[in-house]
Each structure stands twice: as structure tokens, then as C-alpha cells.
Amino acid sequence: MRTSTKILVLITVALAVPTFILTPNLVSAIVPTGNGFVFSFTPLAWVDLAFQIVFNIFLSIVFFRFLKTQRLSNMIFFSIAPLTLTYAVGLSYIVGVKNMTGITAESVRATLNIATSEKSYNNLLWAGLLTLVYLIALFIIVLFACRPLAKVEKATEKLGDGRLKLDDYKVGGGKQFREIENSLNKINYSIKEKENKIKQANLETQKFIPKQFFKFLGKNSLEELELGNQVKKNATTLFCDLKSATNISRSLSLEENFNYINSYLKTVAPLIRRFGGFIDKYLGDGVLSVFSKPQDAIECAHAIFRAIDVKNKSQKELPAIDARISVNTGEIIFGIVGDEERKSPTIISDVVNLAGKMEEINMYIGTKFLIAKSSLNELPQNFEFDYRYCGALSLEDGSQVPLFESLNYYPKNKKEKLKKLRSKFEAGVRAYNEKNYKEAKECFEFILHYVPDDKPSFVYFNHANEKLKNIA
């Protein structure tokens, strides 16, 4: 029992003593006359009336507190029992008062206008009124006693639908409902804890499984991923690799090499995410990433070149990083492989294999950024982008994949010169592919006269020159 309740009980008991002692004074102040009642209050009667009012107020408070300590069934019983008993006594008196004798009975009959004649129905009217009051009081008691049930119903409905509440649920009512309230808040807290853990797990998972991968699969979380989930979509891959990374790594200690690789990845990875892509694999010193739009991949590639150039200037104590990038577009299968203990996302496509072969071409002809024709075909018309044809990659099935070099990553002055010489360069490439090495050599010699540091032209020139020597 709470301290405040104990104090209320003590005050109620203390008020009961003078109240019952002075009760005869109050009773004697109400005088029956046979035609009604006359009130003749003495000072002690007024004092007793005041005590009666205060005593009943405190008694009601204690009684309500007592009800709150009971379970719902006991609460309803202890609420209705006194009311029903009072109603039964009152109804019996009203029905039987017409047959009673004595001055008090006569005063009651006169006050209620109940005649002793059998044809008088006023006693039935008073009985009906008393019954109506009883039923209204009964309804109010049950309504207030069961009101917390509606709150419990709403709370369980929200919890069932996953609509959690940030604050605690407030149900109110007696002891039983307080227990239910505590249980609901425990459930609410447990679900919130579980959701927070899931959110945290999803955040951690996104470090390994990007949210874009979930988007491609039409899933929202790791729990929804199942082995064998797959979807085929048209997408663009971007493969980025360090130029001469192996040689650079050998010149560093293990710790320096680790920091070197991380500095590179920390430069590239945020840019891939910024342009709407996600990293599928880290391949040694390379990164294979996926984009839904080829223009995003191309813009990302240019941003990577700029960022690496800035980083090289800021890390003069370390070997300079030089990147090669290849971009290709086509159908890719996004899927989940592994077993129940470990699920891993991956992409499977000839597009991915082609990226590796494009990387070899990048190395062979001295370019840094090659784009397959399939990617150029998907670019919007308003996308401003300068490029030149660099040759074709022959596949095992006999088909060829035209490759183009981006000119946008070159310095502005060099880019403008290469744009003007683009048709000459492409004519030289076509001549070389057609084994017209003399014409090819002349084309590339012409370009090198104006742009001596154009490495693709230099490589093609040397290859054409060697072919001519072998023919001779």
C-alpha cells in the first residue's frame, strides 16, 4: 500500500469517529410530521453534516483506490455490489412503504405522493425511476471500468501492425491493466530494440551489400534475401584499376602498401556512391562497380581521374597513382550465391568478362578510359561528351566490340587539339585494322607532330612501323 493511501485511510478513520458520534444530532434535525419532513438543524447537526460530507469524500477516495488494486472482475464486483444492495433496499422500501405504519412512513408517502390505495401507481413510478438511475449508474461504472480495454485493443492493434510508439503506452485502470500496460510496453520496447538492431544490421550490411543491390533485386533488407534470388537487368559496369600497381606495391612496406591501397579505395568508393553506383567487388587493386545509367558511370570516371590527380599532388611522398577505367553496358544477372551460413551478392554477365578484356586493350594501346559502343548507344542526346574511336575488341564468337576513348579527362588544351585531330586518328585506326600500315603510320605521325605526348597515337605509330619492318 502506498504511503498516500495509508494517510487517506488514517484520515478517513479519524473522521469516522466524530461523524458517527454526532450522527444522532443530524437524525434528530430531520423531523417527520406525517405530511412531510421538517428540518431543524442545531449547530451540532450542521457540524455533523459537514463531517458527513468530508467523511464520505475521503471514504470514496479510499474506495476508488481500493478498486484500482483489484483485477477487472473484482473491480466490477466491488463497484456493483454496494450499488445493487442500495438499489434493492431502496426498491423494497418504495414498493412496501404504502403498507407500512408509523409517522415516518406517513411522511415518506406524503413526500413521494404515494397513497395507500391499491389504485395508486406512484410507487411504481418511483420504483421505475430508481431502476433507471440504477441502470445509468451501472452503465457508467462498467464503462469506466472497461475503458482501458479500448486502449489495450488499440495498442495491440498498433503493435500487431508494427506501428510502434516512441513513448510508453498509457492504459490506466486497475492493477490488472497496469500489468497489461507494463507487458505492452515491454513488447513495444522489445520490438523497438529488435527494429533498431535490424536497422543497425542493415547499415552494417550495406557496407558489404549496397542498398542499390537490394533495389535491383526488389528487396528491402537482408532478411528478404534468399539463396537463388536473381534478376536480369540492363546495367553499366565500371572497372577501375591501378596502373603499375604491382610495381608500386613492391616499393612499399606492408604497412605503407596497406595504407596506400586504402587511400586509393577511400578516394574512389565515395565517388561511385555519389554518382548512383555501387561496388560489386574489390579485385586486388581494382574495383568493379555497377551503375543503372551509362552517363552516371562516365561522369563518375571523370570525377575519379580528377580526384586521383588531386590525391597524387597531396601525397608526394608516395608513388603516384595512375588509374585505368573501362565502361561497358549490357544485360547483367544480379543474384545471391553461397549457403545459409553466408549469403553473398554478385553479378554474372559477359559484360563483366568484357570489362577485363577492355582493360587489356587499355594497357595495350596506352589509353586510360575506354568505353564500349553499347554504353555510347544508351547515352541521352543532350549528354555532352567527347570521344574518339580506338579500335574493336574481337570476341570468341567472331563478333567485335567497338571501343572509344574519352577525351574529357585530358587537360583542356590537349583535349581541344585531340578533338581537331579526331578524324585523323580514327582514320589511322581503321587503316591499321585493315592492315594498311603505311597509311596508319602517316596518320599517327601527323598527330604526333601536333600532340607529341598522345600515347595512343605513339603506340599505334610504333606498331605500324614494326609491321612495316616485318613486311619489308
Protein backbone atom coordinates (compact mmCIF):
# COMPACT_ATOMS: atom_id res chain seq x y z
CA MET A 1 0.00 0.00 0.00
CA ARG A 2 1.30 3.41 -0.95
CA THR A 3 2.09 5.97 1.74
CA SER A 4 -0.53 8.41 0.44
CA THR A 5 -3.18 5.66 0.64
CA LYS A 6 -2.21 4.88 4.23
CA ILE A 7 -2.57 8.56 5.13
CA LEU A 8 -6.00 8.69 3.47
CA VAL A 9 -7.15 5.61 5.42
CA LEU A 10 -5.99 7.15 8.70
CA ILE A 11 -7.79 10.42 7.91
CA THR A 12 -10.97 8.53 6.98
CA VAL A 13 -10.88 6.51 10.21
CA ALA A 14 -10.24 9.70 12.19
CA LEU A 15 -13.24 11.38 10.51
CA ALA A 16 -15.47 8.35 11.12
CA VAL A 17 -15.32 8.69 14.90
CA PRO A 18 -16.82 12.22 15.29
CA THR A 19 -19.13 11.57 12.35
CA PHE A 20 -20.82 8.58 14.00
CA ILE A 21 -20.81 10.22 17.43
CA LEU A 22 -22.62 13.29 16.10
CA THR A 23 -24.98 11.33 13.82
CA PRO A 24 -27.92 11.40 16.32
CA ASN A 25 -27.85 15.22 16.15
CA LEU A 26 -28.26 15.10 12.37
CA VAL A 27 -31.01 12.47 12.54
CA SER A 28 -32.93 14.47 15.15
CA ALA A 29 -32.73 17.55 12.90
CA ILE A 30 -34.96 15.80 10.32
CA VAL A 31 -38.44 15.69 11.91
CA PRO A 32 -41.30 13.69 10.28
CA THR A 33 -44.72 15.40 10.58
CA GLY A 34 -46.99 12.96 8.79
CA ASN A 35 -47.34 15.37 5.87
CA GLY A 36 -43.63 15.51 5.11
CA PHE A 37 -40.39 16.38 6.86
CA VAL A 38 -39.29 19.50 8.73
CA PHE A 39 -35.60 20.34 9.01
CA SER A 40 -34.49 21.82 12.32
CA PHE A 41 -30.72 21.99 12.31
CA THR A 42 -28.85 22.73 15.50
CA PRO A 43 -25.18 23.80 15.49
CA LEU A 44 -24.15 20.22 16.28
CA ALA A 45 -26.29 18.96 13.40
CA TRP A 46 -24.53 21.33 10.98
CA VAL A 47 -21.17 20.19 12.30
CA ASP A 48 -22.19 16.56 11.81
CA LEU A 49 -23.41 17.34 8.29
CA ALA A 50 -20.01 18.84 7.46
CA PHE A 51 -18.27 15.79 8.93
CA GLN A 52 -20.56 13.52 6.95
CA ILE A 53 -19.67 15.28 3.67
CA VAL A 54 -15.91 15.27 4.31
CA PHE A 55 -16.00 11.67 5.61
CA ASN A 56 -17.87 10.41 2.55
CA ILE A 57 -15.46 12.24 0.20
CA PHE A 58 -12.44 10.58 1.84
CA LEU A 59 -14.25 7.24 2.03
CA SER A 60 -14.98 7.45 -1.73
CA ILE A 61 -11.32 8.24 -2.49
CA VAL A 62 -10.14 5.28 -0.39
CA PHE A 63 -12.77 3.05 -2.03
CA PHE A 64 -11.63 4.08 -5.55
CA ARG A 65 -8.01 3.42 -4.62
CA PHE A 66 -9.05 0.04 -3.30
CA LEU A 67 -10.78 -0.71 -6.61
CA LYS A 68 -7.59 0.18 -8.53
CA THR A 69 -5.72 -2.52 -6.66
CA GLN A 70 -8.18 -5.16 -7.87
CA ARG A 71 -8.34 -7.12 -11.09
CA LEU A 72 -11.10 -6.22 -13.54
CA SER A 73 -13.55 -8.89 -12.36
CA ASN A 74 -13.10 -7.94 -8.69
CA MET A 75 -13.27 -4.24 -9.53
CA ILE A 76 -16.63 -4.65 -11.27
CA PHE A 77 -17.96 -6.81 -8.44
CA PHE A 78 -16.95 -4.43 -5.63
CA SER A 79 -18.30 -1.49 -7.64
CA ILE A 80 -21.67 -3.02 -8.46
CA ALA A 81 -22.31 -4.90 -5.20
CA PRO A 82 -22.85 -1.79 -2.96
CA LEU A 83 -24.87 -0.10 -5.70
CA THR A 84 -27.05 -3.17 -6.20
CA LEU A 85 -27.55 -3.57 -2.46
CA THR A 86 -28.58 0.09 -2.13
CA TYR A 87 -30.91 -0.28 -5.12
CA ALA A 88 -32.51 -3.43 -3.64
CA VAL A 89 -33.09 -1.79 -0.27
CA GLY A 90 -34.49 1.39 -1.86
CA LEU A 91 -36.75 -0.54 -4.24
CA SER A 92 -38.09 -2.71 -1.43
CA TYR A 93 -38.82 0.35 0.68
CA ILE A 94 -40.62 2.23 -2.13
CA VAL A 95 -42.72 -0.79 -3.01
CA GLY A 96 -43.55 -1.61 0.60
CA VAL A 97 -43.85 1.89 2.11
CA LYS A 98 -47.57 2.13 1.28
CA ASN A 99 -48.30 -0.73 3.66
CA MET A 100 -46.04 0.49 6.46
CA THR A 101 -47.29 2.20 9.62
CA GLY A 102 -45.80 4.95 11.68
CA ILE A 103 -45.27 8.67 11.32
CA THR A 104 -42.04 8.25 9.33
CA ALA A 105 -43.77 6.05 6.76
CA GLU A 106 -46.61 8.57 6.51
CA SER A 107 -44.09 11.40 5.96
CA VAL A 108 -42.36 9.40 3.20
CA ARG A 109 -45.70 8.62 1.50
CA ALA A 110 -46.64 12.28 1.66
CA THR A 111 -43.28 13.40 0.27
CA LEU A 112 -43.40 10.90 -2.58
CA ASN A 113 -47.17 11.31 -3.09
CA ILE A 114 -47.76 7.62 -2.58
CA ALA A 115 -51.28 6.79 -1.43
CA THR A 116 -52.28 3.68 0.50
CA SER A 117 -54.96 2.95 -2.11
CA GLU A 118 -54.29 -0.08 -4.29
CA LYS A 119 -55.10 2.03 -7.35
CA SER A 120 -52.15 4.38 -6.75
CA TYR A 121 -49.32 3.77 -9.20
CA ASN A 122 -46.89 6.47 -7.94
CA ASN A 123 -44.90 3.91 -6.02
CA LEU A 124 -44.36 2.01 -9.30
CA LEU A 125 -43.23 5.23 -11.00
CA TRP A 126 -40.77 5.90 -8.20
CA ALA A 127 -39.57 2.31 -8.46
CA GLY A 128 -39.11 2.74 -12.21
CA LEU A 129 -37.18 5.98 -11.69
CA LEU A 130 -34.95 4.29 -9.13
CA THR A 131 -34.36 1.43 -11.54
CA LEU A 132 -33.46 3.88 -14.32
CA VAL A 133 -30.97 5.65 -12.03
CA TYR A 134 -29.53 2.27 -11.06
CA LEU A 135 -29.09 1.20 -14.68
CA ILE A 136 -27.44 4.51 -15.62
CA ALA A 137 -25.07 4.23 -12.67
CA LEU A 138 -24.38 0.61 -13.60
CA PHE A 139 -23.57 1.61 -17.19
CA ILE A 140 -21.22 4.37 -16.05
CA ILE A 141 -19.39 2.02 -13.67
CA VAL A 142 -18.90 -0.68 -16.32
CA LEU A 143 -17.93 1.96 -18.93
CA PHE A 144 -15.19 3.44 -16.74
CA ALA A 145 -14.05 0.03 -15.51
CA CYS A 146 -13.70 -1.32 -19.05
CA ARG A 147 -12.45 1.88 -20.73
CA PRO A 148 -8.80 0.69 -20.55
CA LEU A 149 -9.84 -2.30 -22.69
CA ALA A 150 -10.33 0.04 -25.65
CA LYS A 151 -6.81 1.42 -25.14
CA VAL A 152 -5.42 -2.11 -24.89
CA GLU A 153 -7.22 -3.01 -28.11
CA LYS A 154 -5.74 -0.02 -29.96
CA ALA A 155 -2.29 -0.69 -28.54
CA THR A 156 -2.32 -4.37 -29.54
CA GLU A 157 -3.63 -3.42 -32.99
CA LYS A 158 -0.74 -0.98 -33.47
CA LEU A 159 1.79 -3.47 -32.20
CA GLY A 160 0.32 -6.13 -34.46
CA ASP A 161 0.66 -3.83 -37.48
CA GLY A 162 4.16 -2.81 -36.46
CA ARG A 163 3.14 0.79 -35.67
CA LEU A 164 5.33 1.39 -32.67
CA LYS A 165 5.09 4.23 -30.19
CA LEU A 166 8.15 6.22 -29.19
CA ASP A 167 6.81 6.82 -25.67
CA ASP A 168 5.30 4.30 -23.28
CA TYR A 169 1.70 3.17 -23.75
CA LYS A 170 -0.70 4.58 -21.14
CA VAL A 171 -3.68 2.31 -20.40
CA GLY A 172 -4.84 3.34 -16.94
CA GLY A 173 -7.35 1.35 -14.90
CA GLY A 174 -6.74 -1.08 -12.09
CA LYS A 175 -3.94 -3.42 -11.14
CA GLN A 176 -4.66 -5.89 -13.93
CA PHE A 177 -4.45 -3.13 -16.56
CA ARG A 178 -1.22 -1.82 -15.05
CA GLU A 179 0.23 -5.28 -15.55
CA ILE A 180 -1.08 -5.31 -19.12
CA GLU A 181 0.35 -1.82 -19.63
CA ASN A 182 3.77 -2.97 -18.43
CA SER A 183 3.58 -6.02 -20.70
CA LEU A 184 2.61 -3.90 -23.71
CA ASN A 185 5.49 -1.51 -23.05
CA LYS A 186 7.88 -4.45 -22.71
CA ILE A 187 6.66 -5.77 -26.07
CA ASN A 188 6.91 -2.27 -27.57
CA TYR A 189 10.42 -1.86 -26.19
CA SER A 190 11.46 -5.33 -27.39
CA ILE A 191 10.15 -4.66 -30.91
CA LYS A 192 11.87 -1.27 -30.99
CA GLU A 193 15.09 -2.90 -29.82
CA LYS A 194 14.71 -5.55 -32.49
CA GLU A 195 13.99 -2.94 -35.15
CA ASN A 196 16.97 -0.87 -34.05
CA LYS A 197 19.15 -3.97 -34.24
CA ILE A 198 17.76 -4.75 -37.70
CA LYS A 199 18.39 -1.17 -38.82
CA GLN A 200 21.90 -1.34 -37.41
CA ALA A 201 22.42 -4.71 -39.06
CA ASN A 202 21.14 -3.29 -42.35
CA LEU A 203 23.51 -0.34 -42.01
CA GLU A 204 26.36 -2.75 -41.36
CA THR A 205 25.16 -4.96 -44.20
CA GLN A 206 25.19 -2.02 -46.61
CA LYS A 207 28.94 -1.87 -46.08
CA PHE A 208 29.06 -5.30 -47.71
CA ILE A 209 25.79 -5.40 -49.65
CA PRO A 210 24.96 -1.94 -51.06
CA LYS A 211 21.36 -0.77 -50.85
CA GLN A 212 21.34 -0.36 -54.63
CA PHE A 213 21.82 -4.13 -54.86
CA PHE A 214 18.67 -4.61 -52.76
CA LYS A 215 16.93 -2.17 -55.10
CA PHE A 216 17.94 -4.16 -58.17
CA LEU A 217 16.55 -7.34 -56.56
CA GLY A 218 13.37 -5.61 -55.40
CA LYS A 219 14.17 -6.32 -51.74
CA ASN A 220 14.33 -4.05 -48.69
CA SER A 221 16.55 -5.85 -46.22
CA LEU A 222 18.95 -8.71 -45.67
CA GLU A 223 16.16 -10.86 -44.18
CA GLU A 224 14.33 -10.82 -47.53
CA LEU A 225 17.32 -12.13 -49.45
CA GLU A 226 17.17 -15.82 -50.27
CA LEU A 227 19.65 -18.06 -51.99
CA GLY A 228 18.96 -18.17 -55.68
CA ASN A 229 17.30 -14.74 -55.80
CA GLN A 230 18.21 -13.23 -59.13
CA VAL A 231 17.07 -10.65 -61.60
CA LYS A 232 18.28 -9.75 -65.08
CA LYS A 233 18.60 -6.05 -65.85
CA ASN A 234 20.35 -3.75 -68.26
CA ALA A 235 23.16 -2.01 -66.40
CA THR A 236 26.57 -0.43 -66.86
CA THR A 237 29.78 -1.72 -65.31
CA LEU A 238 32.78 0.42 -64.47
CA PHE A 239 36.08 -1.34 -63.91
CA CYS A 240 38.83 0.77 -62.38
CA ASP A 241 42.37 -0.49 -61.88
CA LEU A 242 45.68 0.97 -60.77
CA LYS A 243 48.24 1.37 -63.46
CA SER A 244 51.53 -0.35 -62.48
CA ALA A 245 50.00 -1.08 -59.06
CA THR A 246 52.13 -4.21 -58.61
CA ASN A 247 55.39 -2.32 -59.15
CA ILE A 248 54.28 0.41 -56.82
CA SER A 249 53.27 -2.09 -54.13
CA ARG A 250 56.68 -3.77 -54.26
CA SER A 251 58.39 -0.47 -53.48
CA LEU A 252 56.42 -0.05 -50.25
CA SER A 253 56.49 -1.83 -46.91
CA LEU A 254 53.49 -3.93 -45.89
CA GLU A 255 52.09 -1.15 -43.70
CA GLU A 256 52.72 1.51 -46.33
CA ASN A 257 51.19 -0.69 -49.00
CA PHE A 258 48.07 -1.25 -46.88
CA ASN A 259 47.65 2.47 -46.28
CA TYR A 260 48.36 3.15 -49.94
CA ILE A 261 45.62 0.78 -51.16
CA ASN A 262 43.16 2.13 -48.59
CA SER A 263 43.84 5.71 -49.59
CA TYR A 264 43.01 4.78 -53.16
CA LEU A 265 39.81 2.96 -52.24
CA LYS A 266 38.74 5.79 -49.94
CA THR A 267 39.09 8.12 -52.90
CA VAL A 268 37.22 6.01 -55.45
CA ALA A 269 34.43 4.36 -53.41
CA PRO A 270 32.63 7.56 -52.25
CA LEU A 271 32.62 8.86 -55.83
CA ILE A 272 30.99 5.66 -57.08
CA ARG A 273 28.23 6.02 -54.48
CA ARG A 274 27.84 9.74 -55.18
CA PHE A 275 27.07 9.05 -58.84
CA GLY A 276 24.50 6.36 -58.03
CA GLY A 277 26.64 3.27 -58.44
CA PHE A 278 27.67 0.52 -56.07
CA ILE A 279 30.79 -1.57 -55.72
CA ASP A 280 30.28 -5.22 -56.54
CA LYS A 281 33.82 -6.46 -55.96
CA TYR A 282 37.25 -5.32 -54.85
CA LEU A 283 39.68 -7.09 -57.17
CA GLY A 284 43.10 -6.57 -55.62
CA ASP A 285 43.96 -3.03 -56.67
CA GLY A 286 40.82 -2.79 -58.82
CA VAL A 287 37.16 -2.04 -58.27
CA LEU A 288 34.22 -3.43 -60.23
CA SER A 289 31.16 -1.22 -59.84
CA VAL A 290 27.67 -1.13 -61.33
CA PHE A 291 25.53 1.80 -62.49
CA SER A 292 21.97 1.90 -63.79
CA LYS A 293 22.82 4.63 -66.32
CA PRO A 294 25.95 4.84 -68.51
CA GLN A 295 26.13 8.64 -68.20
CA ASP A 296 26.48 8.25 -64.43
CA ALA A 297 29.36 5.81 -64.91
CA ILE A 298 31.11 8.14 -67.38
CA GLU A 299 30.74 11.17 -65.12
CA CYS A 300 31.96 9.10 -62.19
CA ALA A 301 35.03 8.01 -64.18
CA HIS A 302 35.95 11.62 -64.95
CA ALA A 303 35.48 12.51 -61.27
CA ILE A 304 37.77 9.61 -60.28
CA PHE A 305 40.54 10.86 -62.60
CA ARG A 306 40.26 14.38 -61.16
CA ALA A 307 40.25 13.09 -57.56
CA ILE A 308 43.26 10.83 -58.13
CA ASP A 309 45.16 13.71 -59.72
CA VAL A 310 44.48 15.86 -56.64
CA LYS A 311 45.49 13.00 -54.35
CA ASN A 312 48.73 12.42 -56.22
CA LYS A 313 49.66 16.07 -55.70
CA SER A 314 48.83 15.84 -51.97
CA GLN A 315 50.77 12.57 -51.46
CA LYS A 316 54.11 13.44 -52.97
CA GLU A 317 55.95 11.18 -50.53
CA LEU A 318 54.20 8.12 -52.06
CA PRO A 319 54.35 6.82 -55.64
CA ALA A 320 51.80 8.49 -57.90
CA ILE A 321 48.59 6.59 -58.60
CA ASP A 322 47.53 6.17 -62.20
CA ALA A 323 44.13 4.65 -62.95
CA ARG A 324 42.69 2.87 -65.97
CA ILE A 325 38.92 2.69 -66.41
CA SER A 326 36.70 0.72 -68.76
CA VAL A 327 32.92 1.13 -69.09
CA ASN A 328 30.51 -1.31 -70.71
CA THR A 329 26.71 -1.70 -70.84
CA GLY A 330 24.58 -4.81 -71.26
CA GLU A 331 22.38 -7.38 -69.54
CA ILE A 332 23.58 -8.36 -66.08
CA ILE A 333 22.24 -11.00 -63.71
CA PHE A 334 22.10 -9.78 -60.12
CA GLY A 335 21.89 -12.70 -57.70
CA ILE A 336 22.58 -14.20 -54.28
CA VAL A 337 25.05 -17.08 -54.04
CA GLY A 338 26.56 -19.03 -51.16
CA ASP A 339 24.85 -21.08 -48.45
CA GLU A 340 22.58 -20.43 -45.47
CA GLU A 341 25.57 -19.62 -43.27
CA ARG A 342 26.85 -16.95 -45.61
CA LYS A 343 24.99 -15.24 -48.41
CA SER A 344 26.87 -13.12 -50.89
CA PRO A 345 25.61 -10.85 -53.67
CA THR A 346 27.26 -10.99 -57.05
CA ILE A 347 26.76 -10.08 -60.69
CA ILE A 348 27.20 -12.51 -63.55
CA SER A 349 27.44 -11.39 -67.15
CA ASP A 350 29.56 -11.35 -70.26
CA VAL A 351 29.65 -7.61 -69.64
CA VAL A 352 31.85 -8.27 -66.60
CA ASN A 353 34.17 -10.55 -68.57
CA LEU A 354 34.36 -7.96 -71.30
CA ALA A 355 35.48 -5.34 -68.78
CA GLY A 356 38.60 -7.39 -68.10
CA LYS A 357 39.38 -7.70 -71.81
CA MET A 358 38.82 -3.97 -72.27
CA GLU A 359 41.35 -3.43 -69.52
CA GLU A 360 43.91 -5.38 -71.54
CA ILE A 361 43.20 -3.14 -74.55
CA ASN A 362 43.63 -0.13 -72.26
CA MET A 363 47.12 -1.35 -71.42
CA TYR A 364 47.93 -2.38 -74.99
CA ILE A 365 47.19 0.92 -76.72
CA GLY A 366 48.10 3.21 -73.80
CA THR A 367 44.64 4.64 -73.12
CA LYS A 368 43.23 5.36 -69.68
CA PHE A 369 39.49 5.41 -70.25
CA LEU A 370 37.77 3.13 -72.77
CA ILE A 371 34.03 2.94 -73.36
CA ALA A 372 32.21 0.22 -75.27
CA LYS A 373 29.82 1.26 -78.06
CA SER A 374 26.92 -0.33 -76.13
CA SER A 375 27.38 2.36 -73.46
CA LEU A 376 27.52 5.19 -76.00
CA ASN A 377 24.29 3.92 -77.59
CA GLU A 378 22.48 4.31 -74.24
CA LEU A 379 23.57 7.92 -73.62
CA PRO A 380 20.88 10.62 -73.84
CA GLN A 381 21.18 13.01 -76.78
CA ASN A 382 21.80 16.04 -74.58
CA PHE A 383 24.76 14.41 -72.81
CA GLU A 384 27.86 16.39 -73.77
CA PHE A 385 30.78 14.07 -74.20
CA ASP A 386 33.84 13.97 -76.48
CA TYR A 387 35.41 10.69 -77.53
CA ARG A 388 37.31 9.03 -80.38
CA TYR A 389 37.25 5.56 -81.91
CA CYS A 390 40.22 3.45 -80.77
CA GLY A 391 39.58 0.09 -82.40
CA ALA A 392 37.49 -3.00 -81.85
CA LEU A 393 37.77 -5.92 -79.46
CA SER A 394 37.33 -9.30 -81.16
CA LEU A 395 35.34 -11.88 -79.21
CA GLU A 396 35.47 -15.67 -79.39
CA ASP A 397 32.21 -15.86 -81.32
CA GLY A 398 33.70 -13.72 -84.08
CA SER A 399 31.81 -10.56 -83.17
CA GLN A 400 33.57 -7.29 -82.47
CA VAL A 401 33.01 -4.64 -79.80
CA PRO A 402 33.90 -1.11 -80.95
CA LEU A 403 35.82 0.78 -78.27
CA PHE A 404 36.07 4.54 -77.77
CA GLU A 405 38.40 6.67 -75.70
CA SER A 406 37.07 9.53 -73.64
CA LEU A 407 38.75 12.86 -74.38
CA ASN A 408 37.16 14.67 -71.45
CA TYR A 409 39.71 13.56 -68.87
CA TYR A 410 42.57 15.22 -70.78
CA PRO A 411 43.68 18.79 -69.92
CA LYS A 412 41.66 21.39 -71.82
CA ASN A 413 44.38 22.44 -74.30
CA LYS A 414 45.28 18.86 -75.16
CA LYS A 415 41.62 17.90 -75.41
CA GLU A 416 40.94 20.66 -77.96
CA LYS A 417 43.87 19.54 -80.10
CA LEU A 418 42.74 15.90 -79.97
CA LYS A 419 39.20 16.90 -80.92
CA LYS A 420 40.50 18.64 -84.04
CA LEU A 421 42.65 15.62 -84.91
CA ARG A 422 39.94 13.07 -84.09
CA SER A 423 39.05 12.22 -87.69
CA LYS A 424 42.76 11.76 -88.48
CA PHE A 425 43.22 9.45 -85.50
CA GLU A 426 40.16 7.35 -86.35
CA ALA A 427 41.32 7.11 -89.99
CA GLY A 428 44.67 5.82 -88.72
CA VAL A 429 42.96 3.23 -86.51
CA ARG A 430 40.81 1.97 -89.39
CA ALA A 431 43.86 1.82 -91.67
CA TYR A 432 45.75 -0.18 -89.06
CA ASN A 433 42.83 -2.61 -88.62
CA GLU A 434 42.71 -3.03 -92.40
CA LYS A 435 46.47 -3.77 -92.34
CA ASN A 436 47.22 -0.62 -94.32
CA TYR A 437 50.15 0.08 -92.03
CA LYS A 438 51.77 2.73 -94.21
CA GLU A 439 48.69 4.95 -94.17
CA ALA A 440 48.22 4.28 -90.48
CA LYS A 441 51.81 5.29 -89.74
CA GLU A 442 51.37 8.53 -91.68
CA CYS A 443 48.17 9.39 -89.81
CA PHE A 444 49.69 8.86 -86.39
CA GLU A 445 52.93 10.60 -87.39
CA PHE A 446 50.84 13.61 -88.38
CA ILE A 447 49.06 13.62 -85.00
CA LEU A 448 52.30 13.26 -83.04
CA HIS A 449 53.67 16.29 -84.86
CA TYR A 450 50.99 18.42 -83.16
CA VAL A 451 50.49 16.39 -79.97
CA PRO A 452 53.81 14.62 -79.20
CA ASP A 453 52.54 13.24 -75.87
CA ASP A 454 49.47 11.48 -77.31
CA LYS A 455 50.33 7.98 -76.11
CA PRO A 456 47.69 6.01 -78.12
CA SER A 457 48.98 7.62 -81.32
CA PHE A 458 52.54 6.83 -80.26
CA VAL A 459 51.67 3.18 -79.58
CA TYR A 460 49.81 2.79 -82.86
CA PHE A 461 52.67 4.51 -84.71
CA ASN A 462 55.23 2.09 -83.24
CA HIS A 463 53.08 -0.96 -84.00
CA ALA A 464 52.52 0.19 -87.58
CA ASN A 465 56.23 0.87 -88.00
CA GLU A 466 57.12 -2.61 -86.70
CA LYS A 467 54.57 -4.22 -89.03
CA LEU A 468 56.13 -2.40 -92.00
CA LYS A 469 59.60 -3.56 -90.96
CA ASN A 470 58.41 -7.17 -90.71
CA ILE A 471 56.79 -6.94 -94.15
CA ALA A 472 59.97 -5.50 -95.62
